[in-house]
Protein backbone atom coordinates (compact mmCIF):
# COMPACT_ATOMS: atom_id res chain seq x y z
CA MET A 1 15.19 -15.30 12.07
CA LYS A 2 16.44 -12.32 10.04
CA LYS A 3 14.50 -13.61 7.02
CA ILE A 4 11.23 -13.85 8.94
CA THR A 5 11.80 -10.35 10.36
CA LEU A 6 12.38 -9.00 6.84
CA LEU A 7 9.20 -10.72 5.60
CA ALA A 8 7.26 -9.19 8.53
CA VAL A 9 8.57 -5.71 7.63
CA LEU A 10 7.46 -6.23 4.01
CA ILE A 11 4.01 -7.32 5.17
CA ILE A 12 3.58 -4.31 7.48
CA ALA A 13 4.82 -1.91 4.78
CA GLY A 14 2.30 -3.34 2.31
CA VAL A 15 -0.62 -3.12 4.71
CA PHE A 16 0.07 0.56 5.45
CA SER A 17 1.00 1.52 1.88
CA ALA A 18 -1.52 3.87 0.24
CA LYS A 19 -0.58 2.62 -3.24
CA ALA A 20 -1.03 -1.08 -2.53
CA GLN A 21 -3.98 -2.53 -4.41
CA SER A 22 -3.54 -6.15 -3.45
CA PHE A 23 -1.75 -7.93 -0.62
CA GLY A 24 -1.31 -11.70 -0.66
CA LEU A 25 0.05 -14.40 1.61
CA GLY A 26 0.62 -17.98 0.63
CA TYR A 27 2.27 -21.33 1.10
CA ALA A 28 5.07 -22.11 -1.35
CA TYR A 29 6.59 -25.38 -2.46
CA SER A 30 10.01 -25.26 -4.17
CA SER A 31 11.71 -27.89 -6.33
CA THR A 32 14.96 -27.56 -4.37
CA ALA A 33 15.69 -27.91 -0.65
CA PRO A 34 14.41 -26.41 1.53
CA ASN A 35 11.12 -27.27 -0.16
CA THR A 36 8.45 -25.46 1.84
CA GLY A 37 8.10 -21.81 2.74
CA LEU A 38 5.98 -18.69 2.89
CA THR A 39 5.43 -16.04 0.26
CA ALA A 40 3.98 -12.52 0.47
CA HIS A 41 3.30 -10.03 -2.32
CA PHE A 42 2.11 -6.47 -2.84
CA GLU A 43 0.62 -5.51 -6.18
CA THR A 44 -0.51 -2.24 -7.69
CA SER A 45 -2.02 -1.43 -11.08
CA ILE A 46 0.01 0.61 -13.57
CA VAL A 47 -2.47 0.55 -16.47
CA ASP A 48 -6.06 -0.71 -16.14
CA LEU A 49 -8.07 -1.23 -19.34
CA GLY A 50 -11.08 -2.96 -17.76
CA VAL A 51 -10.67 -6.53 -19.04
CA ALA A 52 -6.86 -6.32 -18.99
CA SER A 53 -4.31 -4.63 -16.76
CA LEU A 54 -0.58 -4.20 -16.36
CA ASN A 55 0.49 -4.44 -12.71
CA SER A 56 3.72 -4.18 -10.75
CA ARG A 57 4.39 -6.67 -7.99
CA LEU A 58 6.90 -6.91 -5.16
CA ARG A 59 7.24 -10.34 -3.62
CA GLY A 60 9.20 -11.91 -0.80
CA SER A 61 9.59 -15.63 -0.17
CA VAL A 62 11.28 -17.39 2.73
CA PHE A 63 12.28 -21.07 2.85
CA ASN A 64 13.93 -22.67 5.90
CA SER A 65 15.12 -26.14 6.78
CA ASP A 66 16.40 -26.94 10.26
CA GLY A 67 18.48 -30.06 10.58
CA TYR A 68 18.48 -32.57 7.77
CA GLU A 69 20.70 -35.46 6.80
CA VAL A 70 22.76 -35.70 3.61
CA GLY A 71 24.38 -39.00 2.78
CA GLY A 72 23.82 -40.31 6.27
CA GLN A 73 26.59 -38.14 7.74
CA VAL A 74 26.06 -34.40 7.34
CA PHE A 75 23.47 -32.50 9.34
CA GLY A 76 22.76 -28.86 8.64
CA GLU A 77 20.32 -26.06 8.09
CA THR A 78 19.56 -24.00 5.01
CA SER A 79 17.61 -20.80 4.57
CA VAL A 80 16.67 -19.13 1.30
CA LEU A 81 15.38 -15.57 0.94
CA ILE A 82 13.97 -14.49 -2.43
CA LEU A 83 12.94 -10.87 -3.10
CA ASP A 84 11.71 -9.96 -6.56
CA ALA A 85 10.07 -7.18 -8.52
CA SER A 86 8.02 -8.03 -11.58
CA LEU A 87 5.52 -6.76 -14.13
CA MET A 88 2.32 -8.80 -14.43
CA ALA A 89 -0.22 -8.76 -17.27
CA LYS A 90 -3.73 -9.80 -16.13
CA VAL A 91 -6.87 -10.48 -18.14
CA SER A 92 -10.46 -10.78 -16.92
CA VAL A 93 -12.21 -12.50 -19.82
CA ILE A 94 -13.45 -15.55 -17.94
CA PRO A 95 -15.95 -14.81 -15.13
CA PHE A 96 -14.45 -15.35 -11.67
CA VAL A 97 -11.02 -16.39 -13.03
CA ASN A 98 -8.24 -13.89 -13.74
CA PRO A 99 -5.22 -15.52 -15.43
CA TYR A 100 -1.91 -13.64 -15.32
CA ALA A 101 1.66 -13.91 -16.52
CA GLY A 102 4.71 -11.89 -15.66
CA LEU A 103 8.46 -11.46 -15.76
CA GLY A 104 10.71 -10.16 -13.03
CA ILE A 105 14.18 -9.96 -11.60
CA ALA A 106 15.01 -11.31 -8.15
CA TYR A 107 17.61 -11.26 -5.44
CA GLU A 108 18.23 -14.71 -3.93
CA LYS A 109 20.29 -15.23 -0.78
CA THR A 110 21.00 -18.78 0.34
CA ASP A 111 22.70 -19.50 3.66
CA PHE A 112 24.13 -22.96 4.39
CA LYS A 113 25.31 -24.21 7.76
CA PHE A 114 26.47 -27.81 8.16
CA GLU A 115 27.84 -29.83 11.05
CA VAL A 116 30.26 -32.33 9.51
CA PRO A 117 31.51 -35.19 11.74
CA ASN A 118 35.26 -34.97 12.49
CA VAL A 119 35.43 -31.58 10.71
CA GLY A 120 33.14 -29.22 12.62
CA GLU A 121 30.82 -26.50 11.42
CA VAL A 122 30.95 -25.40 7.80
CA ALA A 123 29.04 -22.26 6.73
CA ASP A 124 28.56 -20.61 3.35
CA SER A 125 26.39 -17.97 1.75
CA GLN A 126 25.45 -17.47 -1.88
CA ASN A 127 23.84 -14.44 -3.62
CA GLN A 128 22.26 -14.62 -7.07
CA TYR A 129 20.18 -12.36 -9.35
CA PRO A 130 17.98 -14.61 -11.52
CA LEU A 131 15.14 -13.72 -13.86
CA TYR A 132 11.77 -15.29 -13.05
CA GLY A 133 8.74 -16.10 -15.14
CA THR A 134 5.32 -16.42 -13.48
CA ILE A 135 1.96 -17.76 -14.61
CA GLY A 136 -1.07 -18.04 -12.38
CA PHE A 137 -4.75 -17.56 -11.66
CA GLU A 138 -6.75 -15.47 -9.22
CA PHE A 139 -10.26 -16.61 -8.41
CA SER A 140 -12.60 -13.66 -7.74
CA THR A 141 -15.76 -15.35 -6.45
CA ILE A 142 -15.76 -13.40 -3.15
CA PRO A 143 -15.36 -9.60 -3.21
CA PHE A 144 -12.04 -8.37 -1.76
CA ILE A 145 -10.73 -11.92 -1.19
CA LYS A 146 -9.02 -13.66 -4.10
CA PRO A 147 -7.53 -17.14 -3.74
CA PHE A 148 -4.56 -17.54 -6.07
CA MET A 149 -2.35 -20.25 -7.46
CA GLU A 150 0.85 -19.53 -9.35
CA TYR A 151 3.82 -21.29 -10.85
CA ARG A 152 7.22 -19.59 -11.02
CA ILE A 153 10.36 -20.75 -12.79
CA ARG A 154 13.87 -19.42 -12.66
CA ALA A 155 14.98 -18.39 -16.13
CA VAL A 156 18.63 -17.29 -16.09
CA ASP A 157 21.08 -16.26 -13.39
CA LEU A 158 22.54 -12.90 -14.47
CA LYS A 159 25.98 -13.83 -13.08
CA GLU A 160 26.07 -16.84 -15.42
CA ILE A 161 25.04 -15.04 -18.64
CA LYS A 162 28.72 -14.42 -19.51
CA ASN A 163 29.38 -18.16 -19.27
CA SER A 164 26.26 -19.01 -21.33
CA SER A 165 25.10 -21.51 -18.69
CA TYR A 166 21.40 -22.02 -18.05
CA ASP A 167 19.89 -22.99 -14.69
CA SER A 168 16.18 -23.83 -14.70
CA ASP A 169 16.12 -26.34 -11.86
CA ARG A 170 14.34 -23.99 -9.43
CA TRP A 171 10.59 -23.74 -9.74
CA MET A 172 8.01 -22.79 -7.14
CA LEU A 173 4.30 -23.43 -6.76
CA ALA A 174 2.43 -21.01 -4.49
CA ILE A 175 -1.15 -21.20 -3.20
CA GLY A 176 -2.69 -18.48 -1.06
CA LEU A 177 -5.14 -15.62 -0.52
CA ALA A 178 -4.89 -12.04 -1.77
CA LEU A 179 -6.84 -9.17 -0.24
CA SER A 180 -7.83 -6.44 -2.68
CA PHE A 181 -8.35 -2.87 -1.46
């Protein structure tokens, strides 16, 4: 519930922000459980050169899973909150299609809560600070409304850089609508 409240605060802040240039909401599918969630982003232009622009983006994503079975014995719930800030480069060379790519750093909080038979409730929380890469497209066929599709992949967890371990098992596909104003 806290995650949905935080996402609602981000949405309201973006709607009333004078600097916001684009606000988007979408459905997200993740490669790891919980698999489905919501994503919201706020984007503003830093440098606009007509056919190309450099934008900053703040994004929040929430994934929840209530009650699932692991190995036939363990039932639990998991929630994941991802907040990230990134720089996006966009180009407008193809009519009605605006491809973009970006890099950003994120804060990921994962909460686990399991009910284990004959043991009781087990809870854990994990915080990470991974880098993310994003590629995507906005379709600008209708003024002010831009459907988007983007693919994000986790690059490196900053806590694990010292150990030289690489974790790229988390990717996300998001589809949604952005309102430009």
